[in-house]
Amino acid sequence: MRTTTTPHRSPRRSPAPSAPSAAPWWAGETPLTLAEAAEHVGRDVSTVYRWASPAGKYGLRLRRFRVGPRGWCTTAEELTRFAAVMTTMAGGDL
């Protein structure tokens, strides 16, 4: 008959403390829901959602962050940066 032994397990250790993480990119900026962002730029909300989707606009994506289980936000400052890059890509002046 074969006897079974349980393997030796080391005591559980708590994970090593990690270095403080850098602040998220939106820290210190003015948050807007994507619906508020659409009003801010005078576009339909579906347009802003498309800008923030993985496809983006001409390969450029509006940065966003999740708030709660279903909400997406961006910032007023990010909208300004997005518009500036889009203008430059289109050959316009800032």
Protein backbone atom coordinates (compact mmCIF):
# COMPACT_ATOMS: atom_id res chain seq x y z
CA MET A 1 0.00 0.00 0.00
CA ARG A 2 1.23 3.44 -0.86
CA THR A 3 1.22 6.22 1.70
CA THR A 4 0.64 9.75 0.65
CA THR A 5 2.45 12.65 2.18
CA THR A 6 1.56 16.24 1.80
CA PRO A 7 4.29 18.45 0.41
CA HIS A 8 5.94 20.85 2.81
CA ARG A 9 4.55 24.32 2.46
CA SER A 10 6.29 27.41 3.64
CA PRO A 11 4.26 29.76 5.81
CA ARG A 12 2.24 32.35 3.97
CA ARG A 13 3.98 35.67 3.74
CA SER A 14 2.43 38.97 3.00
CA PRO A 15 3.65 40.50 -0.24
CA ALA A 16 6.62 42.80 -0.01
CA PRO A 17 5.62 46.43 0.17
CA SER A 18 5.67 47.94 -3.27
CA ALA A 19 7.14 51.26 -4.19
CA PRO A 20 4.62 54.07 -4.27
CA SER A 21 2.98 54.17 -7.65
CA ALA A 22 3.07 57.23 -9.80
CA ALA A 23 -0.05 59.37 -9.87
CA PRO A 24 -2.48 58.57 -12.70
CA TRP A 25 -2.32 60.80 -15.75
CA TRP A 26 -5.63 62.47 -14.87
CA ALA A 27 -4.56 63.56 -11.37
CA GLY A 28 -4.97 67.30 -10.96
CA GLU A 29 -7.05 67.67 -14.11
CA THR A 30 -10.74 68.51 -14.51
CA PRO A 31 -12.67 65.22 -14.90
CA LEU A 32 -15.58 64.99 -17.33
CA THR A 33 -17.85 62.09 -18.14
CA LEU A 34 -17.82 61.31 -21.85
CA ALA A 35 -21.33 62.82 -22.06
CA GLU A 36 -20.04 66.03 -20.43
CA ALA A 37 -17.05 65.96 -22.77
CA ALA A 38 -19.41 65.79 -25.75
CA GLU A 39 -21.24 68.90 -24.50
CA HIS A 40 -17.88 70.57 -23.84
CA VAL A 41 -16.83 70.21 -27.50
CA GLY A 42 -20.30 70.51 -29.04
CA ARG A 43 -20.38 66.98 -30.47
CA ASP A 44 -22.69 64.02 -30.14
CA VAL A 45 -21.79 61.64 -27.31
CA SER A 46 -21.33 58.79 -29.80
CA THR A 47 -18.54 60.79 -31.46
CA VAL A 48 -16.66 61.16 -28.17
CA TYR A 49 -17.14 57.45 -27.41
CA ARG A 50 -15.69 56.67 -30.85
CA TRP A 51 -12.68 58.95 -30.16
CA ALA A 52 -12.13 57.06 -26.88
CA SER A 53 -12.58 53.61 -28.43
CA PRO A 54 -9.56 51.45 -29.29
CA ALA A 55 -9.95 52.49 -32.95
CA GLY A 56 -9.88 56.19 -32.07
CA LYS A 57 -9.72 58.77 -34.84
CA TYR A 58 -6.96 58.32 -37.43
CA GLY A 59 -5.14 56.08 -34.97
CA LEU A 60 -5.26 58.68 -32.21
CA ARG A 61 -7.25 57.75 -29.12
CA LEU A 62 -8.80 60.07 -26.56
CA ARG A 63 -7.45 58.91 -23.21
CA ARG A 64 -10.08 57.83 -20.72
CA PHE A 65 -10.32 56.24 -17.32
CA ARG A 66 -12.96 54.11 -15.67
CA VAL A 67 -15.13 55.40 -12.86
CA GLY A 68 -17.36 52.79 -11.29
CA PRO A 69 -18.45 49.63 -13.05
CA ARG A 70 -19.72 51.23 -16.25
CA GLY A 71 -18.63 54.85 -16.39
CA TRP A 72 -15.86 56.33 -18.53
CA CYS A 73 -14.33 59.74 -18.00
CA THR A 74 -11.72 61.93 -19.62
CA THR A 75 -10.56 65.42 -18.69
CA ALA A 76 -11.03 68.89 -20.12
CA GLU A 77 -7.25 69.13 -20.48
CA GLU A 78 -7.11 65.84 -22.41
CA LEU A 79 -9.76 67.15 -24.81
CA THR A 80 -7.55 70.19 -25.43
CA ARG A 81 -4.50 67.98 -26.06
CA PHE A 82 -6.54 65.68 -28.33
CA ALA A 83 -7.84 68.64 -30.35
CA ALA A 84 -4.34 70.11 -30.68
CA VAL A 85 -2.90 66.85 -32.03
CA MET A 86 -5.85 66.36 -34.40
CA THR A 87 -5.41 69.92 -35.68
CA THR A 88 -1.70 69.34 -36.26
CA MET A 89 -2.40 66.04 -38.03
CA ALA A 90 -4.87 67.82 -40.30
CA GLY A 91 -2.22 70.42 -41.17
CA GLY A 92 -3.90 73.27 -39.32
CA ASP A 93 -2.43 75.94 -37.11
CA LEU A 94 -2.85 75.94 -33.37
